[in-house]
């Protein structure tokens, strides 16, 4: 999708979306608007859990499964 169409779909300017795309500083409100506009969500987890979640996500992507996680209590 061209950047102008993506920006319009997300309700942000092309310049702001370009900044985000290039790793420049942008307002969190704009980031959340872009994520929502692209049908994405942000998940904030403790760093200690990030490797496990990345592995689970990679596995789900390879298998095409909708990952369902049940926390292990123990």
C-alpha atoms as a PDB file:
ATOM      1  CA  UNK A   1       0.000   0.000   0.000  1.00  0.00           C
ATOM      2  CA  UNK A   2       1.456   3.392  -0.918  1.00  0.00           C
ATOM      3  CA  UNK A   3       2.368   5.618   2.023  1.00  0.00           C
ATOM      4  CA  UNK A   4      -0.229   8.255   1.131  1.00  0.00           C
ATOM      5  CA  UNK A   5      -3.017   5.652   1.211  1.00  0.00           C
ATOM      6  CA  UNK A   6      -1.713   4.171   4.477  1.00  0.00           C
ATOM      7  CA  UNK A   7      -1.502   7.616   6.080  1.00  0.00           C
ATOM      8  CA  UNK A   8      -5.039   8.454   4.971  1.00  0.00           C
ATOM      9  CA  UNK A   9      -6.358   5.101   6.279  1.00  0.00           C
ATOM     10  CA  UNK A  10      -4.686   5.744   9.640  1.00  0.00           C
ATOM     11  CA  UNK A  11      -5.711   9.392   9.931  1.00  0.00           C
ATOM     12  CA  UNK A  12      -2.148  10.740  10.058  1.00  0.00           C
ATOM     13  CA  UNK A  13      -0.005  12.812   7.730  1.00  0.00           C
ATOM     14  CA  UNK A  14       2.376  11.285   5.209  1.00  0.00           C
ATOM     15  CA  UNK A  15       5.237  13.105   6.956  1.00  0.00           C
ATOM     16  CA  UNK A  16       4.370  11.594  10.326  1.00  0.00           C
ATOM     17  CA  UNK A  17       4.052   8.096   8.885  1.00  0.00           C
ATOM     18  CA  UNK A  18       7.379   8.547   7.108  1.00  0.00           C
ATOM     19  CA  UNK A  19       9.016   9.561  10.402  1.00  0.00           C
ATOM     20  CA  UNK A  20       7.599   6.472  12.104  1.00  0.00           C
ATOM     21  CA  UNK A  21       8.717   4.257   9.233  1.00  0.00           C
ATOM     22  CA  UNK A  22      12.258   5.639   9.492  1.00  0.00           C
ATOM     23  CA  UNK A  23      12.524   5.288  13.266  1.00  0.00           C
ATOM     24  CA  UNK A  24      12.316   8.991  14.043  1.00  0.00           C
ATOM     25  CA  UNK A  25      10.626  10.270  17.184  1.00  0.00           C
ATOM     26  CA  UNK A  26       6.851  10.460  16.980  1.00  0.00           C
ATOM     27  CA  UNK A  27       4.041  10.983  19.457  1.00  0.00           C
ATOM     28  CA  UNK A  28       2.686   7.782  21.051  1.00  0.00           C
ATOM     29  CA  UNK A  29      -0.847   8.868  20.142  1.00  0.00           C
ATOM     30  CA  UNK A  30       0.171   8.799  16.470  1.00  0.00           C
ATOM     31  CA  UNK A  31       1.786   5.382  16.848  1.00  0.00           C
ATOM     32  CA  UNK A  32      -1.392   3.989  18.379  1.00  0.00           C
ATOM     33  CA  UNK A  33      -3.482   5.581  15.632  1.00  0.00           C
ATOM     34  CA  UNK A  34      -1.292   3.977  12.955  1.00  0.00           C
ATOM     35  CA  UNK A  35      -1.417   0.575  14.653  1.00  0.00           C
ATOM     36  CA  UNK A  36      -5.202   0.785  14.857  1.00  0.00           C
ATOM     37  CA  UNK A  37      -5.489   1.957  11.260  1.00  0.00           C
ATOM     38  CA  UNK A  38      -3.425  -1.014  10.097  1.00  0.00           C
ATOM     39  CA  UNK A  39      -5.374  -3.492  12.213  1.00  0.00           C
ATOM     40  CA  UNK A  40      -2.491  -4.060  14.629  1.00  0.00           C
ATOM     41  CA  UNK A  41      -2.123  -3.905  18.379  1.00  0.00           C
ATOM     42  CA  UNK A  42       0.790  -3.346  20.719  1.00  0.00           C
ATOM     43  CA  UNK A  43       1.487  -5.756  23.536  1.00  0.00           C
ATOM     44  CA  UNK A  44       3.679  -4.657  26.424  1.00  0.00           C
ATOM     45  CA  UNK A  45       5.255  -7.483  28.405  1.00  0.00           C
ATOM     46  CA  UNK A  46       8.167  -7.903  30.776  1.00  0.00           C
ATOM     47  CA  UNK A  47      11.465  -8.291  28.909  1.00  0.00           C
ATOM     48  CA  UNK A  48      11.914 -11.704  30.505  1.00  0.00           C
ATOM     49  CA  UNK A  49       8.880 -12.947  28.541  1.00  0.00           C
ATOM     50  CA  UNK A  50       9.741 -11.442  25.168  1.00  0.00           C
ATOM     51  CA  UNK A  51      11.913 -14.308  23.859  1.00  0.00           C
ATOM     52  CA  UNK A  52       9.203 -16.867  24.645  1.00  0.00           C
ATOM     53  CA  UNK A  53       6.537 -14.755  22.944  1.00  0.00           C
ATOM     54  CA  UNK A  54       8.730 -14.264  19.867  1.00  0.00           C
ATOM     55  CA  UNK A  55       9.238 -18.031  19.617  1.00  0.00           C
ATOM     56  CA  UNK A  56       5.517 -18.703  19.995  1.00  0.00           C
ATOM     57  CA  UNK A  57       4.719 -16.092  17.360  1.00  0.00           C
ATOM     58  CA  UNK A  58       7.282 -17.516  14.920  1.00  0.00           C
ATOM     59  CA  UNK A  59       5.879 -21.019  15.443  1.00  0.00           C
ATOM     60  CA  UNK A  60       2.314 -19.840  14.857  1.00  0.00           C
ATOM     61  CA  UNK A  61       3.395 -18.012  11.688  1.00  0.00           C
ATOM     62  CA  UNK A  62       5.124 -21.146  10.334  1.00  0.00           C
ATOM     63  CA  UNK A  63       2.211 -23.449  11.080  1.00  0.00           C
ATOM     64  CA  UNK A  64      -0.549 -20.985  10.292  1.00  0.00           C
ATOM     65  CA  UNK A  65      -2.078 -21.661  13.693  1.00  0.00           C
ATOM     66  CA  UNK A  66      -3.979 -19.130  15.687  1.00  0.00           C
ATOM     67  CA  UNK A  67      -1.818 -19.230  18.794  1.00  0.00           C
ATOM     68  CA  UNK A  68      -3.704 -19.862  21.993  1.00  0.00           C
ATOM     69  CA  UNK A  69      -1.642 -19.419  25.107  1.00  0.00           C
ATOM     70  CA  UNK A  70      -2.587 -20.804  28.441  1.00  0.00           C
ATOM     71  CA  UNK A  71      -0.306 -19.547  31.195  1.00  0.00           C
ATOM     72  CA  UNK A  72       1.535 -22.216  33.113  1.00  0.00           C
ATOM     73  CA  UNK A  73       1.121 -21.729  36.823  1.00  0.00           C
ATOM     74  CA  UNK A  74       3.701 -23.461  38.857  1.00  0.00           C
END
